[in-house]
Amino acid sequence: MTDDTIIDPKGLIREAYRIDGITASECRSVFFDWALSLPADHDSSAALKSLLIRYEDGAPDHPMTDVMRLGVSDMGPPRRRGGWRSRTRN
């Protein structure tokens, strides 16, 4: 299995599972922070799938599990969004 410091560098996902009564909204916020904490060159999709495999069986009804399931299902190939390269230079 992948090293925790690589797929959850700040332990945010791990800690979310330890918080009693955490809400779905709070889990979404933790998830966003987790995504921002990954190195830019890291495969976030693979990291998320590894985390889901790690936690899903032990906490299938936890709101963080639901958030991660949505994240996996919503992840598609990366798309480029605008920027200077999309414009022609004069």
Protein backbone atom coordinates (compact mmCIF):
# COMPACT_ATOMS: atom_id res chain seq x y z
CA MET A 1 0.00 0.00 0.00
CA THR A 2 1.11 3.55 -0.65
CA ASP A 3 2.88 5.53 2.09
CA ASP A 4 0.44 7.78 4.01
CA THR A 5 2.73 10.80 3.77
CA ILE A 6 2.44 10.65 -0.01
CA ILE A 7 -1.33 10.25 -0.36
CA ASP A 8 -2.34 12.23 2.75
CA PRO A 9 0.64 14.53 3.43
CA LYS A 10 -0.98 16.47 6.29
CA GLY A 11 -3.10 13.59 7.64
CA LEU A 12 -6.27 15.53 6.85
CA ILE A 13 -8.30 12.57 5.62
CA ARG A 14 -7.13 10.36 8.49
CA GLU A 15 -8.12 13.03 11.03
CA ALA A 16 -11.54 13.56 9.42
CA TYR A 17 -12.36 9.92 10.17
CA ARG A 18 -11.41 10.45 13.82
CA ILE A 19 -13.73 13.43 14.39
CA ASP A 20 -16.99 12.33 15.99
CA GLY A 21 -20.04 13.97 14.43
CA ILE A 22 -18.20 15.53 11.48
CA THR A 23 -20.66 16.77 8.87
CA ALA A 24 -20.66 16.32 5.11
CA SER A 25 -19.99 20.03 4.71
CA GLU A 26 -16.96 19.82 6.98
CA CYS A 27 -15.75 16.76 5.06
CA ARG A 28 -15.99 18.67 1.78
CA SER A 29 -13.88 21.41 3.30
CA VAL A 30 -11.29 18.87 4.51
CA PHE A 31 -11.31 17.24 1.09
CA PHE A 32 -10.62 20.58 -0.59
CA ASP A 33 -7.74 21.26 1.80
CA TRP A 34 -6.40 17.75 1.15
CA ALA A 35 -6.50 18.29 -2.62
CA LEU A 36 -4.61 21.58 -2.28
CA SER A 37 -1.97 19.96 -0.07
CA LEU A 38 -0.91 17.42 -2.70
CA PRO A 39 2.21 18.24 -4.71
CA ALA A 40 1.35 19.57 -8.18
CA ASP A 41 3.04 16.64 -9.91
CA HIS A 42 1.21 14.03 -7.83
CA ASP A 43 -1.56 11.89 -9.32
CA SER A 44 -4.50 13.06 -7.22
CA SER A 45 -6.85 10.52 -8.77
CA ALA A 46 -4.63 7.60 -7.75
CA ALA A 47 -4.16 9.07 -4.26
CA LEU A 48 -7.90 9.49 -3.82
CA LYS A 49 -8.61 5.94 -4.97
CA SER A 50 -5.98 4.62 -2.52
CA LEU A 51 -7.54 6.57 0.34
CA LEU A 52 -11.00 5.34 -0.54
CA ILE A 53 -9.79 1.74 -0.59
CA ARG A 54 -8.13 2.28 2.78
CA TYR A 55 -11.14 3.79 4.57
CA GLU A 56 -14.30 2.68 2.75
CA ASP A 57 -14.67 -0.81 4.23
CA GLY A 58 -14.18 0.38 7.81
CA ALA A 59 -16.49 3.39 7.52
CA PRO A 60 -18.90 2.90 4.61
CA ASP A 61 -21.45 5.38 6.02
CA HIS A 62 -18.99 8.10 7.05
CA PRO A 63 -19.53 11.46 5.31
CA MET A 64 -15.87 11.55 4.23
CA THR A 65 -16.37 8.23 2.47
CA ASP A 66 -19.30 9.75 0.58
CA VAL A 67 -17.21 12.82 -0.34
CA MET A 68 -14.36 10.64 -1.61
CA ARG A 69 -16.76 8.44 -3.59
CA LEU A 70 -18.09 11.57 -5.30
CA GLY A 71 -14.56 12.74 -5.94
CA VAL A 72 -13.61 9.48 -7.63
CA SER A 73 -16.76 9.44 -9.76
CA ASP A 74 -16.35 13.11 -10.77
CA MET A 75 -12.70 12.87 -11.71
CA GLY A 76 -12.16 12.86 -15.41
CA PRO A 77 -9.11 13.55 -17.46
CA PRO A 78 -7.57 16.94 -16.70
CA ARG A 79 -8.73 19.76 -18.94
CA ARG A 80 -6.94 22.92 -19.81
CA ARG A 81 -8.82 26.07 -18.89
CA GLY A 82 -8.14 29.25 -20.84
CA GLY A 83 -5.05 31.27 -20.21
CA TRP A 84 -2.66 33.07 -22.44
CA ARG A 85 -1.88 30.03 -24.60
CA SER A 86 -5.41 29.89 -25.90
CA ARG A 87 -5.13 33.34 -27.46
CA THR A 88 -3.31 34.20 -30.63
CA ARG A 89 -0.68 36.87 -30.40
CA ASN A 90 -0.74 39.90 -32.64
